[in-house]
Amino acid sequence: MPSDDRGLPCDIAKLSMRQIFWRAVGLKSVAKDQIVKKEMSATAVPETSMALIGGAISWVIWDIFVSSMVQPLVGDLINLLLQVAFAIVVAMCFWFVFLNQIRRWRFSQISEIFLTEGYCAACGYLLEDLIVEPDGCVVCPECNGAWKKERVGNLPISGDS
C-alpha cells in the first residue's frame, strides 16, 4: 500500500481522461503533459507486458474457440484481420484494467514525478503556498497527504525557516 512521508497510507493520484488517452496512445513525444511523459518512462515495461499478455491470451482464445467458426464464413484474410483486431481490443482492456495496479507497484517513482512537478502524489493537488509543519512536511489540504518540503518542486511554500 502506498504511503506518504509520514508513513500513513495514501492513494495514488488519479489520471485525467486526457492523461489516460495520451498514455493509451503510448507516444511520449506527442504527449503534452510532463507528468504523463515522465510517468510513461517509469511504467513502460510493466504496462507493455500487461498489454502483450492480454493480446497473447486473446490470440489463443480466438484460435481455439472462434477461428474454426469464423474462417469458413469469411476466409483466411478476414479471419486474421478479425483476430488481430480482437487481440488489440483485449490488450488495451488488459492495459486499462491493470494500469492502476502498475502505478501502485511503481508508487515510489511516480510519487517523485508528481512531487518534483509540485503536485501531491496522493491526489494531484498543486502544493503551493502551504505552511511547512514542524516535522518538515507540507500537508496537502485536499487529501491530508504529508510530503517532505525538500521533495516538493520549486513552488512558493509559506513558513520556510
C-alpha atoms as a PDB file:
ATOM      1  CA  MET A   1       0.000   0.000   0.000  1.00  0.00           C
ATOM      2  CA  PRO A   2       1.437   3.404  -0.923  1.00  0.00           C
ATOM      3  CA  SER A   3       2.205   5.763   1.932  1.00  0.00           C
ATOM      4  CA  ASP A   4       3.127   9.413   2.378  1.00  0.00           C
ATOM      5  CA  ASP A   5       6.311  10.726   4.017  1.00  0.00           C
ATOM      6  CA  ARG A   6       4.803  10.241   7.486  1.00  0.00           C
ATOM      7  CA  GLY A   7       4.186   6.582   6.722  1.00  0.00           C
ATOM      8  CA  LEU A   8       0.414   6.970   6.537  1.00  0.00           C
ATOM      9  CA  PRO A   9      -1.403   5.036   3.816  1.00  0.00           C
ATOM     10  CA  CYS A  10      -2.483   7.070   0.823  1.00  0.00           C
ATOM     11  CA  ASP A  11      -3.857   6.558  -2.642  1.00  0.00           C
ATOM     12  CA  ILE A  12      -2.054   7.387  -5.864  1.00  0.00           C
ATOM     13  CA  ALA A  13      -3.049  10.471  -7.860  1.00  0.00           C
ATOM     14  CA  LYS A  14      -5.756   9.713 -10.398  1.00  0.00           C
ATOM     15  CA  LEU A  15      -5.180  10.353 -14.068  1.00  0.00           C
ATOM     16  CA  SER A  16      -7.493  12.578 -16.065  1.00  0.00           C
ATOM     17  CA  MET A  17      -9.155  11.218 -19.199  1.00  0.00           C
ATOM     18  CA  ARG A  18      -6.717  13.321 -21.247  1.00  0.00           C
ATOM     19  CA  GLN A  19      -3.753  11.761 -19.434  1.00  0.00           C
ATOM     20  CA  ILE A  20      -5.154   8.258 -19.924  1.00  0.00           C
ATOM     21  CA  PHE A  21      -5.647   8.980 -23.637  1.00  0.00           C
ATOM     22  CA  TRP A  22      -2.019  10.067 -24.085  1.00  0.00           C
ATOM     23  CA  ARG A  23      -0.833   7.011 -22.185  1.00  0.00           C
ATOM     24  CA  ALA A  24      -3.003   4.764 -24.346  1.00  0.00           C
ATOM     25  CA  VAL A  25      -1.507   6.319 -27.480  1.00  0.00           C
ATOM     26  CA  GLY A  26       1.841   5.379 -25.980  1.00  0.00           C
ATOM     27  CA  LEU A  27       3.951   8.009 -27.730  1.00  0.00           C
ATOM     28  CA  LYS A  28       5.800  10.174 -25.233  1.00  0.00           C
ATOM     29  CA  SER A  29       6.866  12.523 -27.988  1.00  0.00           C
ATOM     30  CA  VAL A  30       3.275  13.647 -28.680  1.00  0.00           C
ATOM     31  CA  ALA A  31       2.107  13.854 -25.064  1.00  0.00           C
ATOM     32  CA  LYS A  32       1.964  17.470 -23.885  1.00  0.00           C
ATOM     33  CA  ASP A  33       1.763  16.760 -20.134  1.00  0.00           C
ATOM     34  CA  GLN A  34       5.206  16.491 -18.465  1.00  0.00           C
ATOM     35  CA  ILE A  35       3.845  14.220 -15.733  1.00  0.00           C
ATOM     36  CA  VAL A  36       2.481  11.785 -18.327  1.00  0.00           C
ATOM     37  CA  LYS A  37       5.777  11.761 -20.218  1.00  0.00           C
ATOM     38  CA  LYS A  38       7.813  11.040 -17.098  1.00  0.00           C
ATOM     39  CA  GLU A  39       5.352   8.501 -15.740  1.00  0.00           C
ATOM     40  CA  MET A  40       5.267   6.659 -19.065  1.00  0.00           C
ATOM     41  CA  SER A  41       9.029   6.184 -18.775  1.00  0.00           C
ATOM     42  CA  ALA A  42       8.694   4.829 -15.241  1.00  0.00           C
ATOM     43  CA  THR A  43       5.954   2.316 -16.095  1.00  0.00           C
ATOM     44  CA  ALA A  44       6.634   1.428 -19.742  1.00  0.00           C
ATOM     45  CA  VAL A  45       7.881  -2.128 -19.188  1.00  0.00           C
ATOM     46  CA  PRO A  46       5.087  -3.411 -16.918  1.00  0.00           C
ATOM     47  CA  GLU A  47       2.397  -1.637 -18.968  1.00  0.00           C
ATOM     48  CA  THR A  48       3.699  -3.108 -22.218  1.00  0.00           C
ATOM     49  CA  SER A  49       3.984  -6.538 -20.589  1.00  0.00           C
ATOM     50  CA  MET A  50       0.351  -6.445 -19.436  1.00  0.00           C
ATOM     51  CA  ALA A  51      -0.822  -5.431 -22.905  1.00  0.00           C
ATOM     52  CA  LEU A  52       1.223  -8.214 -24.531  1.00  0.00           C
ATOM     53  CA  ILE A  53      -0.116 -10.792 -22.076  1.00  0.00           C
ATOM     54  CA  GLY A  54      -3.685  -9.684 -22.811  1.00  0.00           C
ATOM     55  CA  GLY A  55      -3.044  -9.815 -26.556  1.00  0.00           C
ATOM     56  CA  ALA A  56      -1.484 -13.279 -26.330  1.00  0.00           C
ATOM     57  CA  ILE A  57      -4.369 -14.647 -24.251  1.00  0.00           C
ATOM     58  CA  SER A  58      -6.922 -13.256 -26.686  1.00  0.00           C
ATOM     59  CA  TRP A  59      -4.976 -14.668 -29.653  1.00  0.00           C
ATOM     60  CA  VAL A  60      -5.082 -18.161 -28.127  1.00  0.00           C
ATOM     61  CA  ILE A  61      -8.776 -17.832 -27.227  1.00  0.00           C
ATOM     62  CA  TRP A  62      -9.597 -16.766 -30.796  1.00  0.00           C
ATOM     63  CA  ASP A  63      -7.520 -19.616 -32.232  1.00  0.00           C
ATOM     64  CA  ILE A  64      -9.147 -22.277 -30.048  1.00  0.00           C
ATOM     65  CA  PHE A  65     -12.770 -21.138 -29.850  1.00  0.00           C
ATOM     66  CA  VAL A  66     -13.611 -18.647 -32.596  1.00  0.00           C
ATOM     67  CA  SER A  67     -11.416 -19.202 -35.633  1.00  0.00           C
ATOM     68  CA  SER A  68     -12.936 -22.545 -36.612  1.00  0.00           C
ATOM     69  CA  MET A  69     -16.408 -20.935 -36.773  1.00  0.00           C
ATOM     70  CA  VAL A  70     -15.436 -17.667 -38.464  1.00  0.00           C
ATOM     71  CA  GLN A  71     -12.820 -18.813 -41.003  1.00  0.00           C
ATOM     72  CA  PRO A  72     -15.204 -20.852 -43.221  1.00  0.00           C
ATOM     73  CA  LEU A  73     -17.596 -17.886 -43.376  1.00  0.00           C
ATOM     74  CA  VAL A  74     -15.150 -15.057 -44.121  1.00  0.00           C
ATOM     75  CA  GLY A  75     -11.941 -16.643 -45.364  1.00  0.00           C
ATOM     76  CA  ASP A  76      -8.368 -16.620 -44.098  1.00  0.00           C
ATOM     77  CA  LEU A  77      -7.525 -12.949 -44.549  1.00  0.00           C
ATOM     78  CA  ILE A  78     -10.647 -11.550 -42.868  1.00  0.00           C
ATOM     79  CA  ASN A  79     -10.313 -14.120 -40.067  1.00  0.00           C
ATOM     80  CA  LEU A  80      -6.732 -12.961 -39.493  1.00  0.00           C
ATOM     81  CA  LEU A  81      -7.779  -9.287 -39.506  1.00  0.00           C
ATOM     82  CA  LEU A  82     -10.578 -10.013 -37.025  1.00  0.00           C
ATOM     83  CA  GLN A  83      -8.170 -11.955 -34.814  1.00  0.00           C
ATOM     84  CA  VAL A  84      -5.689  -9.048 -34.837  1.00  0.00           C
ATOM     85  CA  ALA A  85      -8.462  -6.546 -34.029  1.00  0.00           C
ATOM     86  CA  PHE A  86      -9.715  -8.777 -31.196  1.00  0.00           C
ATOM     87  CA  ALA A  87      -6.170  -9.089 -29.800  1.00  0.00           C
ATOM     88  CA  ILE A  88      -5.696  -5.296 -29.868  1.00  0.00           C
ATOM     89  CA  VAL A  89      -9.004  -4.638 -28.104  1.00  0.00           C
ATOM     90  CA  VAL A  90      -8.306  -7.230 -25.393  1.00  0.00           C
ATOM     91  CA  ALA A  91      -4.713  -5.977 -24.980  1.00  0.00           C
ATOM     92  CA  MET A  92      -5.990  -2.427 -24.420  1.00  0.00           C
ATOM     93  CA  CYS A  93      -8.577  -3.705 -21.932  1.00  0.00           C
ATOM     94  CA  PHE A  94      -5.853  -5.601 -20.027  1.00  0.00           C
ATOM     95  CA  TRP A  95      -3.691  -2.477 -20.011  1.00  0.00           C
ATOM     96  CA  PHE A  96      -6.545  -0.298 -18.750  1.00  0.00           C
ATOM     97  CA  VAL A  97      -7.642  -2.756 -16.049  1.00  0.00           C
ATOM     98  CA  PHE A  98      -4.106  -3.198 -14.691  1.00  0.00           C
ATOM     99  CA  LEU A  99      -2.949   0.431 -15.086  1.00  0.00           C
ATOM    100  CA  ASN A 100      -3.766   1.469 -11.507  1.00  0.00           C
ATOM    101  CA  GLN A 101      -2.140  -1.661 -10.083  1.00  0.00           C
ATOM    102  CA  ILE A 102       1.008  -0.990 -12.112  1.00  0.00           C
ATOM    103  CA  ARG A 103       1.014   2.601 -10.874  1.00  0.00           C
ATOM    104  CA  ARG A 104       0.764   1.333  -7.264  1.00  0.00           C
ATOM    105  CA  TRP A 105       3.710  -1.040  -7.859  1.00  0.00           C
ATOM    106  CA  ARG A 106       5.748   1.936  -9.074  1.00  0.00           C
ATOM    107  CA  PHE A 107       4.468   4.397  -6.447  1.00  0.00           C
ATOM    108  CA  SER A 108       7.921   5.481  -5.266  1.00  0.00           C
ATOM    109  CA  GLN A 109       8.895   6.537  -8.801  1.00  0.00           C
ATOM    110  CA  ILE A 110       5.518   8.080  -9.606  1.00  0.00           C
ATOM    111  CA  SER A 111       5.390   9.995  -6.317  1.00  0.00           C
ATOM    112  CA  GLU A 112       8.769  11.557  -7.145  1.00  0.00           C
ATOM    113  CA  ILE A 113       7.423  12.642 -10.544  1.00  0.00           C
ATOM    114  CA  PHE A 114       4.334  14.296  -9.055  1.00  0.00           C
ATOM    115  CA  LEU A 115       6.216  15.905  -6.175  1.00  0.00           C
ATOM    116  CA  THR A 116       9.014  17.213  -8.412  1.00  0.00           C
ATOM    117  CA  GLU A 117       6.376  18.899 -10.562  1.00  0.00           C
ATOM    118  CA  GLY A 118       4.827  20.394  -7.384  1.00  0.00           C
ATOM    119  CA  TYR A 119       1.750  18.153  -7.146  1.00  0.00           C
ATOM    120  CA  CYS A 120       0.557  15.916  -4.327  1.00  0.00           C
ATOM    121  CA  ALA A 121       1.435  12.306  -5.150  1.00  0.00           C
ATOM    122  CA  ALA A 122      -1.749  11.070  -3.488  1.00  0.00           C
ATOM    123  CA  CYS A 123      -4.362  13.284  -5.154  1.00  0.00           C
ATOM    124  CA  GLY A 124      -2.658  15.524  -7.724  1.00  0.00           C
ATOM    125  CA  TYR A 125      -3.400  18.798  -5.895  1.00  0.00           C
ATOM    126  CA  LEU A 126      -0.980  21.667  -6.612  1.00  0.00           C
ATOM    127  CA  LEU A 127       1.102  22.124  -3.438  1.00  0.00           C
ATOM    128  CA  GLU A 128       1.834  25.830  -3.362  1.00  0.00           C
ATOM    129  CA  ASP A 129       1.565  28.485  -0.644  1.00  0.00           C
ATOM    130  CA  LEU A 130       1.306  25.864   2.100  1.00  0.00           C
ATOM    131  CA  ILE A 131       2.757  26.005   5.594  1.00  0.00           C
ATOM    132  CA  VAL A 132       5.625  23.683   6.474  1.00  0.00           C
ATOM    133  CA  GLU A 133       4.775  21.601   9.561  1.00  0.00           C
ATOM    134  CA  PRO A 134       7.306  21.262  12.438  1.00  0.00           C
ATOM    135  CA  ASP A 135       8.387  17.841  11.092  1.00  0.00           C
ATOM    136  CA  GLY A 136       9.334  19.440   7.749  1.00  0.00           C
ATOM    137  CA  CYS A 137       6.297  18.159   5.867  1.00  0.00           C
ATOM    138  CA  VAL A 138       3.860  20.048   3.685  1.00  0.00           C
ATOM    139  CA  VAL A 139       0.336  18.710   4.213  1.00  0.00           C
ATOM    140  CA  CYS A 140      -1.995  18.596   1.225  1.00  0.00           C
ATOM    141  CA  PRO A 141      -5.255  20.405   2.049  1.00  0.00           C
ATOM    142  CA  GLU A 142      -7.162  18.132  -0.327  1.00  0.00           C
ATOM    143  CA  CYS A 143      -6.230  14.663   0.979  1.00  0.00           C
ATOM    144  CA  ASN A 144      -4.006  15.278   4.046  1.00  0.00           C
ATOM    145  CA  GLY A 145      -1.032  13.570   2.398  1.00  0.00           C
ATOM    146  CA  ALA A 146       2.186  14.755   4.035  1.00  0.00           C
ATOM    147  CA  TRP A 147       5.304  15.270   1.921  1.00  0.00           C
ATOM    148  CA  LYS A 148       8.763  16.450   2.944  1.00  0.00           C
ATOM    149  CA  LYS A 149       9.276  20.021   1.760  1.00  0.00           C
ATOM    150  CA  GLU A 150      12.549  19.051   0.055  1.00  0.00           C
ATOM    151  CA  ARG A 151      10.696  16.599  -2.216  1.00  0.00           C
ATOM    152  CA  VAL A 152       8.164  19.172  -3.431  1.00  0.00           C
ATOM    153  CA  GLY A 153       9.178  21.007  -6.606  1.00  0.00           C
ATOM    154  CA  ASN A 154      10.219  24.646  -6.769  1.00  0.00           C
ATOM    155  CA  LEU A 155       6.974  26.169  -5.576  1.00  0.00           C
ATOM    156  CA  PRO A 156       6.422  29.008  -3.136  1.00  0.00           C
ATOM    157  CA  ILE A 157       5.782  27.444   0.262  1.00  0.00           C
ATOM    158  CA  SER A 158       4.867  29.553   3.291  1.00  0.00           C
ATOM    159  CA  GLY A 159       6.686  29.264   6.577  1.00  0.00           C
ATOM    160  CA  ASP A 160      10.144  28.485   5.205  1.00  0.00           C
ATOM    161  CA  SER A 161      12.660  28.581   8.007  1.00  0.00           C
END
